[in-house]
Amino acid sequence: MFIGRAKELEQLAEQFAKEGKRAAMLYGTRRVGKSTLILESIKHTSCKVIYIECLLTTLERNVKRLEEKIQGLFNNKFLHFAGFEDAFEYLGTVNEKVIVIIDEYQYLKQVNDGKYVDSVFQNIIDQMKDNLKLVLLGSYVGMMKELLEKENPLFGRFSLVMHIKPFDYYDSAAFYPERSVGEKIAFYSIFGGMPFSNDLLVADKSLTYNIKSLILNPSSPIRMYIENILLSELSKVANANMILSALANGKKRYGEIESMTGAKTNGTLDKQLKNLLEMEIIKKVYPINKSNDKKKTFYEISDNLVRFYYSFVYGNIDVIARIGEENYYDSYIAASLNTFIAHRFEEICREYFIRQAKRGIIDDVMDIGTFWYDMPAEHKSGEFDCVIRHNRGYSFYEVKYYNRPFTKKDMEQELQQLKAIPGNTQIKYIGFITLSGYDFSDDKYKLLTADELYM
């Protein structure tokens, strides 16, 4: 069953329906669903389709793979091509519309001269006949982004560019629709928004069961993916595992990461962080009211599943092997799990407002994020979890992952913190978002429950 990506499917359908030649590019991290999306988009097309997944081998061998696909499609084993350009030249002569999909395009660039490969495809796109559509897909985000740079031969050649990202909390919940809202939050907080991992969940089993069977079990597809593919890619970045371990343990500032990893202050860490940012393994975050303050810039692991792995599994694989998944979960994870989920709940609430803004349900939105305040005289500082910046002023929402109703006394304590906001900050709304509802009502404030996030 295909889930989500309605907007992307619509854009691809428009791309394929338009007359004349078209070239598109889709990129995103591994297992984010690029190939599944493109294959779903062509299910009902009247065009002939050629799909080739490139291998990490020579250009000639990949041309041979394309040749074999063309031979099969047109039932002609005598067709032979010296290169990609020859193959596209032939396809331009057939009296049918053809969509050519080239997956893992970056493999062509890795093994061969990357600039040469890009130049070949620049010429292909420039010379393509009107009956052809070309789609390039790639997983190495940094390498694919190079195709969009002005200096690259392929710059300006794509009529559609899609950056495919993981699902947010709302779309991820479609993989486990029968779970309660609290369970949906917990599942997303652990397994994140990658379609690959969500599709493997046993939706009618508990969160605990899924953690043990899919993350702690060394033979599970998720563990094998993380340790055989993701860690292999991360090995290309020096200190990557140490950096991610530091981030998973709450070290978010540059100085904290530098201290924990033992990196020298010679720019090495800058390069390592930049590489991880390009791979979209980590992200840079900052308070929306301090966007230019480098001291308030933090780093976080992008994916919840990767964060969970580095928080609880990485470095303890031998322990899990010795005492087993059941004992390990009970001894090392169970007591900390609620706190881990509570921090992710804050991000879910921000994602909720991002969805609301994109759908036009809330307007006058300049940014959504956290808000940092300083009180130098009192030697005090703090951060608000979920804040909307408007054209004039801010709306503040306090997020509480309580397993009991939020009380009037709780609210009064939180309102005390709001008094720390500098007096020149205009407050538009004050609100609260809780997991388990409220034991009071108050029209002065916006009181949201977790259930409303999924409506």
Protein backbone atom coordinates (compact mmCIF):
# COMPACT_ATOMS: atom_id res chain seq x y z
CA MET A 1 0.00 0.00 0.00
CA PHE A 2 1.37 3.40 -1.03
CA ILE A 3 1.11 6.10 1.65
CA GLY A 4 1.34 9.88 1.38
CA ARG A 5 3.18 12.03 -1.19
CA ALA A 6 -0.07 13.22 -2.83
CA LYS A 7 1.43 16.58 -3.83
CA GLU A 8 4.53 14.94 -5.28
CA LEU A 9 2.44 12.47 -7.28
CA GLU A 10 0.40 15.32 -8.69
CA GLN A 11 3.54 17.22 -9.74
CA LEU A 12 5.01 14.14 -11.42
CA ALA A 13 1.75 13.43 -13.23
CA GLU A 14 1.79 16.99 -14.60
CA GLN A 15 5.41 16.55 -15.64
CA PHE A 16 4.65 13.38 -17.59
CA ALA A 17 1.43 14.76 -19.13
CA LYS A 18 3.03 17.89 -20.61
CA GLU A 19 3.91 17.86 -24.28
CA GLY A 20 7.53 18.03 -25.31
CA LYS A 21 10.71 16.84 -23.67
CA ARG A 22 11.09 17.19 -19.90
CA ALA A 23 13.85 16.39 -17.41
CA ALA A 24 13.24 15.98 -13.68
CA MET A 25 15.48 15.31 -10.71
CA LEU A 26 14.50 13.66 -7.41
CA TYR A 27 16.95 13.47 -4.55
CA GLY A 28 16.92 12.60 -0.87
CA THR A 29 18.59 10.35 1.67
CA ARG A 30 18.55 6.57 1.37
CA ARG A 31 15.31 4.78 2.22
CA VAL A 32 13.26 7.99 2.06
CA GLY A 33 11.04 6.54 -0.68
CA LYS A 34 12.28 8.11 -3.93
CA SER A 35 12.16 4.93 -6.00
CA THR A 36 8.79 3.89 -4.56
CA LEU A 37 7.40 7.34 -5.36
CA ILE A 38 8.57 7.38 -8.96
CA LEU A 39 7.33 3.83 -9.58
CA GLU A 40 3.95 4.76 -8.10
CA SER A 41 3.80 7.84 -10.35
CA ILE A 42 4.09 5.78 -13.55
CA LYS A 43 1.53 3.09 -12.68
CA HIS A 44 -1.19 4.64 -14.82
CA THR A 45 0.88 6.32 -17.52
CA SER A 46 0.27 5.51 -21.16
CA CYS A 47 3.95 6.08 -21.93
CA LYS A 48 6.48 3.30 -22.25
CA VAL A 49 8.78 3.27 -19.24
CA ILE A 50 12.44 2.31 -18.92
CA TYR A 51 13.73 2.04 -15.36
CA ILE A 52 17.38 1.40 -14.63
CA GLU A 53 19.07 1.33 -11.25
CA CYS A 54 22.73 2.20 -11.75
CA LEU A 55 25.42 0.05 -10.22
CA LEU A 56 28.68 1.16 -8.65
CA THR A 57 30.59 0.09 -11.74
CA THR A 58 31.87 1.43 -15.03
CA LEU A 59 29.91 3.67 -17.35
CA GLU A 60 30.06 0.95 -20.00
CA ARG A 61 28.46 -1.64 -17.72
CA ASN A 62 25.61 0.73 -16.84
CA VAL A 63 25.09 1.52 -20.53
CA LYS A 64 24.83 -2.23 -21.11
CA ARG A 65 22.09 -2.43 -18.46
CA LEU A 66 20.16 0.35 -20.23
CA GLU A 67 20.70 -1.44 -23.54
CA GLU A 68 19.18 -4.63 -22.16
CA LYS A 69 16.13 -2.73 -20.90
CA ILE A 70 15.61 -1.13 -24.34
CA GLN A 71 16.03 -4.49 -26.07
CA GLY A 72 13.35 -6.01 -23.84
CA LEU A 73 10.95 -3.08 -24.17
CA PHE A 74 11.05 -3.10 -27.98
CA ASN A 75 11.61 -6.85 -28.33
CA ASN A 76 14.77 -6.36 -30.37
CA LYS A 77 17.91 -8.13 -29.11
CA PHE A 78 19.98 -6.68 -31.96
CA LEU A 79 19.94 -3.15 -30.56
CA HIS A 80 23.37 -2.06 -29.31
CA PHE A 81 24.61 1.31 -28.05
CA ALA A 82 28.11 2.65 -27.55
CA GLY A 83 26.99 5.05 -24.82
CA PHE A 84 24.06 6.75 -23.11
CA GLU A 85 23.86 9.36 -25.86
CA ASP A 86 23.42 6.69 -28.55
CA ALA A 87 20.65 5.04 -26.52
CA PHE A 88 18.70 8.29 -26.16
CA GLU A 89 19.25 9.08 -29.83
CA TYR A 90 17.59 5.78 -30.71
CA LEU A 91 14.71 6.35 -28.26
CA GLY A 92 14.07 9.68 -29.96
CA THR A 93 13.33 7.85 -33.22
CA VAL A 94 10.60 5.56 -31.88
CA ASN A 95 7.03 6.57 -32.55
CA GLU A 96 6.00 6.41 -28.89
CA LYS A 97 6.35 8.50 -25.76
CA VAL A 98 9.03 7.12 -23.45
CA ILE A 99 9.91 7.91 -19.84
CA VAL A 100 13.49 6.99 -18.89
CA ILE A 101 14.18 6.73 -15.16
CA ILE A 102 17.80 6.52 -14.02
CA ASP A 103 18.03 5.65 -10.33
CA GLU A 104 21.16 6.05 -8.15
CA TYR A 105 22.61 8.51 -10.67
CA GLN A 106 25.41 9.37 -8.25
CA TYR A 107 26.96 5.92 -8.84
CA LEU A 108 27.77 7.00 -12.40
CA LYS A 109 29.61 10.01 -10.99
CA GLN A 110 31.40 8.11 -8.23
CA VAL A 111 33.14 5.54 -10.39
CA ASN A 112 33.67 7.70 -13.44
CA ASP A 113 34.68 11.32 -14.01
CA GLY A 114 31.75 13.17 -12.45
CA LYS A 115 32.04 16.26 -14.61
CA TYR A 116 32.19 14.12 -17.73
CA VAL A 117 29.06 12.20 -16.71
CA ASP A 118 27.17 15.43 -16.04
CA SER A 119 28.31 16.79 -19.40
CA VAL A 120 27.05 13.66 -21.16
CA PHE A 121 23.61 14.09 -19.61
CA GLN A 122 23.62 17.81 -20.35
CA ASN A 123 24.04 16.91 -24.01
CA ILE A 124 21.38 14.20 -23.76
CA ILE A 125 18.83 16.63 -22.32
CA ASP A 126 19.71 19.36 -24.82
CA GLN A 127 19.36 16.93 -27.77
CA MET A 128 16.35 14.94 -26.50
CA LYS A 129 13.41 14.61 -28.84
CA ASP A 130 9.92 15.72 -27.82
CA ASN A 131 8.73 12.15 -27.19
CA LEU A 132 11.15 11.68 -24.28
CA LYS A 133 11.00 12.36 -20.56
CA LEU A 134 14.06 11.81 -18.32
CA VAL A 135 14.08 11.41 -14.53
CA LEU A 136 17.30 11.27 -12.52
CA LEU A 137 17.19 9.96 -8.93
CA GLY A 138 19.99 10.07 -6.38
CA SER A 139 20.68 9.32 -2.73
CA TYR A 140 23.90 11.19 -2.02
CA VAL A 141 22.30 14.53 -1.27
CA GLY A 142 25.46 16.63 -1.56
CA MET A 143 26.41 15.11 -4.90
CA MET A 144 22.92 15.54 -6.30
CA LYS A 145 22.72 19.14 -5.11
CA GLU A 146 25.82 19.83 -7.18
CA LEU A 147 23.64 19.37 -10.30
CA LEU A 148 21.74 22.51 -9.30
CA GLU A 149 24.83 24.71 -8.97
CA LYS A 150 25.51 27.32 -11.61
CA GLU A 151 28.92 25.86 -12.47
CA ASN A 152 27.50 22.38 -13.16
CA PRO A 153 26.76 21.38 -16.79
CA LEU A 154 23.23 20.32 -15.77
CA PHE A 155 22.35 23.67 -14.21
CA GLY A 156 18.99 24.91 -15.49
CA ARG A 157 18.20 21.68 -17.36
CA PHE A 158 15.48 20.38 -15.01
CA SER A 159 11.89 21.49 -15.30
CA LEU A 160 11.10 19.77 -11.99
CA VAL A 161 13.33 19.30 -8.94
CA MET A 162 12.07 17.40 -5.89
CA HIS A 163 13.85 17.13 -2.58
CA ILE A 164 12.16 14.08 -1.05
CA LYS A 165 12.15 14.27 2.73
CA PRO A 166 10.98 11.91 5.49
CA PHE A 167 7.33 12.05 6.52
CA ASP A 168 6.35 14.29 9.41
CA TYR A 169 4.50 12.98 12.47
CA TYR A 170 1.09 13.20 10.77
CA ASP A 171 1.86 11.29 7.57
CA SER A 172 3.88 8.70 9.52
CA ALA A 173 0.78 7.90 11.57
CA ALA A 174 -0.83 6.44 8.44
CA PHE A 175 1.40 3.39 8.95
CA TYR A 176 -0.27 2.68 12.31
CA PRO A 177 -3.73 4.29 12.05
CA GLU A 178 -5.41 2.19 14.73
CA ARG A 179 -3.02 3.15 17.52
CA SER A 180 -4.06 5.75 20.12
CA VAL A 181 -2.76 9.29 19.79
CA GLY A 182 -0.27 8.70 22.59
CA GLU A 183 1.01 5.58 20.83
CA LYS A 184 1.27 7.42 17.51
CA ILE A 185 3.46 10.04 19.18
CA ALA A 186 5.61 7.34 20.75
CA PHE A 187 6.01 5.36 17.51
CA TYR A 188 7.03 8.48 15.57
CA SER A 189 9.41 9.58 18.35
CA ILE A 190 11.30 6.28 18.08
CA PHE A 191 10.97 5.22 14.44
CA GLY A 192 10.82 8.62 12.78
CA GLY A 193 9.44 9.42 9.35
CA MET A 194 11.38 7.16 6.96
CA PRO A 195 8.90 5.06 4.94
CA PHE A 196 11.37 2.14 4.98
CA SER A 197 11.35 1.76 8.76
CA ASN A 198 7.65 2.58 9.17
CA ASP A 199 6.68 -0.04 6.63
CA LEU A 200 8.45 -2.68 8.73
CA LEU A 201 6.51 -1.88 11.90
CA VAL A 202 4.12 -4.49 13.22
CA ALA A 203 1.31 -1.99 13.73
CA ASP A 204 -0.86 -4.25 15.90
CA LYS A 205 2.00 -4.93 18.32
CA SER A 206 3.21 -2.66 21.14
CA LEU A 207 5.97 -0.09 20.91
CA THR A 208 8.09 -2.25 23.21
CA TYR A 209 7.68 -5.25 20.92
CA ASN A 210 8.74 -3.21 17.87
CA ILE A 211 11.79 -1.74 19.61
CA LYS A 212 12.98 -5.19 20.65
CA SER A 213 12.29 -6.89 17.34
CA LEU A 214 13.31 -4.12 14.92
CA ILE A 215 16.03 -2.12 16.70
CA LEU A 216 17.58 -4.39 19.31
CA ASN A 217 17.39 -7.55 17.22
CA PRO A 218 20.68 -7.68 15.24
CA SER A 219 19.03 -9.63 12.40
CA SER A 220 16.20 -7.18 11.79
CA PRO A 221 16.16 -5.23 8.47
CA ILE A 222 16.35 -1.92 10.36
CA ARG A 223 19.41 -2.90 12.42
CA MET A 224 21.08 -4.35 9.34
CA TYR A 225 20.35 -1.19 7.35
CA ILE A 226 21.77 1.08 10.06
CA GLU A 227 24.89 -0.99 10.65
CA ASN A 228 25.62 -2.20 7.11
CA ILE A 229 24.60 0.78 5.00
CA LEU A 230 24.27 3.91 7.11
CA LEU A 231 27.39 3.32 9.20
CA SER A 232 29.30 2.47 6.03
CA GLU A 233 28.36 5.85 4.54
CA LEU A 234 29.17 7.60 7.80
CA SER A 235 32.64 6.04 7.83
CA LYS A 236 33.55 8.48 5.06
CA VAL A 237 33.24 11.31 7.61
CA ALA A 238 35.95 11.30 10.26
CA ASN A 239 34.60 11.24 13.83
CA ALA A 240 31.01 10.86 12.56
CA ASN A 241 30.08 8.27 15.18
CA MET A 242 31.62 10.32 17.99
CA ILE A 243 29.74 13.42 16.82
CA LEU A 244 26.42 11.58 16.63
CA SER A 245 27.00 9.98 20.02
CA ALA A 246 27.65 13.44 21.47
CA LEU A 247 24.45 14.82 19.91
CA ALA A 248 22.42 11.82 21.10
CA ASN A 249 23.62 12.51 24.63
CA GLY A 250 22.42 16.11 24.60
CA LYS A 251 25.63 17.87 23.51
CA LYS A 252 24.20 20.33 21.00
CA ARG A 253 26.61 23.27 21.03
CA TYR A 254 29.71 23.40 18.88
CA GLY A 255 31.98 23.71 21.91
CA GLU A 256 30.32 20.75 23.64
CA ILE A 257 30.71 18.57 20.57
CA GLU A 258 34.31 19.67 20.19
CA SER A 259 35.07 18.85 23.82
CA MET A 260 33.37 15.44 23.76
CA THR A 261 34.94 14.33 20.48
CA GLY A 262 38.38 15.72 21.28
CA ALA A 263 38.46 17.54 17.96
CA LYS A 264 41.18 20.12 17.53
CA THR A 265 40.28 23.75 17.02
CA ASN A 266 41.78 23.84 13.51
CA GLY A 267 38.60 23.74 11.46
CA THR A 268 38.42 19.94 11.36
CA LEU A 269 35.10 19.80 13.23
CA ASP A 270 33.67 22.48 10.93
CA LYS A 271 34.34 20.24 7.93
CA GLN A 272 32.96 17.15 9.65
CA LEU A 273 29.75 18.93 10.64
CA LYS A 274 29.40 20.35 7.14
CA ASN A 275 29.67 16.86 5.64
CA LEU A 276 27.02 15.49 8.01
CA LEU A 277 24.77 18.46 7.23
CA GLU A 278 25.13 17.80 3.49
CA MET A 279 24.24 14.14 4.07
CA GLU A 280 21.18 15.36 6.04
CA ILE A 281 22.19 13.15 8.95
CA ILE A 282 22.21 16.20 11.21
CA LYS A 283 20.58 19.63 11.05
CA LYS A 284 21.48 23.06 12.34
CA VAL A 285 18.86 24.74 14.54
CA TYR A 286 18.62 28.11 16.25
CA PRO A 287 15.97 30.12 18.11
CA ILE A 288 13.78 32.11 15.72
CA ASN A 289 14.57 35.29 17.66
CA LYS A 290 18.35 34.67 17.60
CA SER A 291 18.97 33.51 14.04
CA ASN A 292 22.21 35.46 13.71
CA ASP A 293 23.63 34.57 17.13
CA LYS A 294 26.25 31.86 16.60
CA LYS A 295 26.32 31.18 20.33
CA LYS A 296 22.69 30.08 20.12
CA THR A 297 23.21 27.78 17.11
CA PHE A 298 22.79 24.10 17.93
CA TYR A 299 23.14 20.82 16.07
CA GLU A 300 20.70 17.90 16.21
CA ILE A 301 20.38 14.47 14.66
CA SER A 302 17.78 14.77 11.91
CA ASP A 303 16.07 11.38 12.13
CA ASN A 304 14.38 10.04 15.27
CA LEU A 305 15.40 6.44 14.54
CA VAL A 306 19.07 7.39 14.14
CA ARG A 307 18.84 9.46 17.32
CA PHE A 308 17.38 6.50 19.22
CA TYR A 309 20.06 4.16 17.86
CA TYR A 310 22.89 6.43 19.00
CA SER A 311 21.18 7.08 22.32
CA PHE A 312 20.60 3.46 23.29
CA VAL A 313 22.25 0.97 20.93
CA TYR A 314 25.50 2.30 19.52
CA GLY A 315 28.39 1.41 21.80
CA ASN A 316 26.32 -1.23 23.61
CA ILE A 317 26.00 -3.86 20.91
CA ASP A 318 28.19 -6.30 22.85
CA VAL A 319 26.02 -5.81 25.96
CA ILE A 320 22.85 -6.57 23.99
CA ALA A 321 24.49 -9.72 22.62
CA ARG A 322 25.44 -10.88 26.13
CA ILE A 323 22.21 -10.24 28.01
CA GLY A 324 19.64 -10.39 25.20
CA GLU A 325 17.08 -7.90 23.87
CA GLU A 326 14.55 -8.46 26.66
CA ASN A 327 16.96 -7.79 29.52
CA TYR A 328 18.64 -4.94 27.69
CA TYR A 329 15.34 -3.16 27.10
CA ASP A 330 14.31 -3.55 30.74
CA SER A 331 17.69 -2.44 32.14
CA TYR A 332 18.82 0.25 29.72
CA ILE A 333 15.80 1.69 27.88
CA ALA A 334 12.52 1.35 29.78
CA ALA A 335 13.25 3.94 32.50
CA SER A 336 14.45 6.59 30.00
CA LEU A 337 11.95 6.04 27.21
CA ASN A 338 9.31 8.50 28.43
CA THR A 339 11.87 11.32 28.66
CA PHE A 340 13.14 10.53 25.17
CA ILE A 341 9.60 10.70 23.76
CA ALA A 342 8.81 13.91 25.68
CA HIS A 343 11.60 15.78 23.87
CA ARG A 344 10.34 14.54 20.52
CA PHE A 345 6.81 15.66 21.40
CA GLU A 346 8.06 19.25 21.33
CA GLU A 347 9.22 18.76 17.74
CA ILE A 348 5.89 17.16 16.82
CA CYS A 349 4.08 20.27 18.06
CA ARG A 350 6.29 22.47 15.89
CA GLU A 351 5.57 20.19 12.92
CA TYR A 352 1.86 20.62 13.65
CA PHE A 353 2.07 24.38 13.26
CA ILE A 354 4.20 24.00 10.14
CA ARG A 355 1.42 21.87 8.64
CA GLN A 356 -1.19 24.42 9.70
CA ALA A 357 0.77 27.23 8.08
CA LYS A 358 1.30 25.35 4.82
CA ARG A 359 -2.39 24.50 4.60
CA GLY A 360 -3.34 28.15 5.16
CA ILE A 361 -5.18 27.40 8.40
CA ILE A 362 -3.05 29.91 10.29
CA ASP A 363 -1.76 33.05 8.62
CA ASP A 364 0.64 35.86 9.41
CA VAL A 365 3.42 33.32 10.05
CA MET A 366 7.00 34.50 9.59
CA ASP A 367 8.72 31.51 11.22
CA ILE A 368 8.16 28.59 13.60
CA GLY A 369 10.67 27.28 16.11
CA THR A 370 12.01 27.87 19.61
CA PHE A 371 12.55 31.19 21.41
CA TRP A 372 15.54 32.02 23.59
CA TYR A 373 15.56 34.59 26.37
CA ASP A 374 18.38 36.00 28.49
CA MET A 375 18.20 37.72 31.87
CA PRO A 376 21.79 38.92 32.48
CA ALA A 377 21.01 40.64 35.80
CA GLU A 378 19.56 37.45 37.23
CA HIS A 379 22.17 35.25 35.53
CA LYS A 380 19.33 33.30 34.02
CA SER A 381 18.37 32.14 30.54
CA GLY A 382 15.88 29.73 29.05
CA GLU A 383 14.06 28.53 25.99
CA PHE A 384 10.42 28.22 24.98
CA ASP A 385 9.55 24.99 23.18
CA CYS A 386 7.20 26.06 20.43
CA VAL A 387 6.86 29.62 19.18
CA ILE A 388 5.35 31.24 16.11
CA ARG A 389 6.86 34.50 14.89
CA HIS A 390 4.33 36.84 13.30
CA ASN A 391 4.84 40.05 11.39
CA ARG A 392 4.46 41.81 14.71
CA GLY A 393 5.01 39.76 17.81
CA TYR A 394 5.09 36.10 18.80
CA SER A 395 2.73 33.35 19.89
CA PHE A 396 4.10 31.16 22.68
CA TYR A 397 3.04 27.55 23.29
CA GLU A 398 4.27 25.53 26.22
CA VAL A 399 4.41 21.81 25.44
CA LYS A 400 3.88 19.25 28.22
CA TYR A 401 4.10 15.50 27.81
CA TYR A 402 2.25 14.65 31.01
CA ASN A 403 0.44 11.35 31.60
CA ARG A 404 -2.07 13.28 33.73
CA PRO A 405 -4.29 16.27 32.99
CA PHE A 406 -2.62 19.67 32.95
CA THR A 407 -3.83 21.66 35.97
CA LYS A 408 -4.54 25.31 36.67
CA LYS A 409 -1.56 25.32 39.00
CA ASP A 410 0.65 23.91 36.22
CA MET A 411 -0.48 26.75 33.97
CA GLU A 412 0.23 29.42 36.57
CA GLN A 413 3.76 28.07 37.04
CA GLU A 414 4.38 28.15 33.29
CA LEU A 415 3.02 31.69 33.06
CA GLN A 416 5.68 32.77 35.54
CA GLN A 417 8.33 31.80 33.01
CA LEU A 418 6.65 33.94 30.39
CA LYS A 419 7.28 36.94 32.61
CA ALA A 420 10.98 36.48 31.85
CA ILE A 421 10.41 37.50 28.24
CA PRO A 422 11.88 40.96 27.55
CA GLY A 423 9.30 43.69 27.91
CA ASN A 424 9.70 44.84 24.30
CA THR A 425 8.56 41.46 22.96
CA GLN A 426 4.99 41.68 21.72
CA ILE A 427 2.95 38.61 22.63
CA LYS A 428 0.08 37.78 20.27
CA TYR A 429 -1.14 34.50 21.82
CA ILE A 430 -0.22 32.25 24.71
CA GLY A 431 -1.13 28.60 24.46
CA PHE A 432 -0.48 25.15 25.85
CA ILE A 433 -0.30 21.72 24.22
CA THR A 434 -0.65 18.65 26.43
CA LEU A 435 -0.80 14.90 25.97
CA SER A 436 -3.58 14.19 28.49
CA GLY A 437 -5.81 17.25 28.35
CA TYR A 438 -6.77 19.74 31.07
CA ASP A 439 -8.76 19.77 34.29
CA PHE A 440 -9.92 23.36 33.64
CA SER A 441 -10.94 25.72 30.85
CA ASP A 442 -9.77 29.27 30.25
CA ASP A 443 -10.76 31.40 27.26
CA LYS A 444 -7.73 33.68 27.71
CA TYR A 445 -5.38 30.98 26.41
CA LYS A 446 -5.31 28.50 23.55
CA LEU A 447 -5.55 25.05 25.09
CA LEU A 448 -4.70 22.27 22.65
CA THR A 449 -4.54 18.54 23.25
CA ALA A 450 -2.46 15.94 21.46
CA ASP A 451 -5.65 14.59 19.86
CA GLU A 452 -6.10 17.87 17.99
CA LEU A 453 -2.68 17.47 16.36
CA TYR A 454 -4.06 14.53 14.39
CA MET A 455 -7.34 16.06 13.24
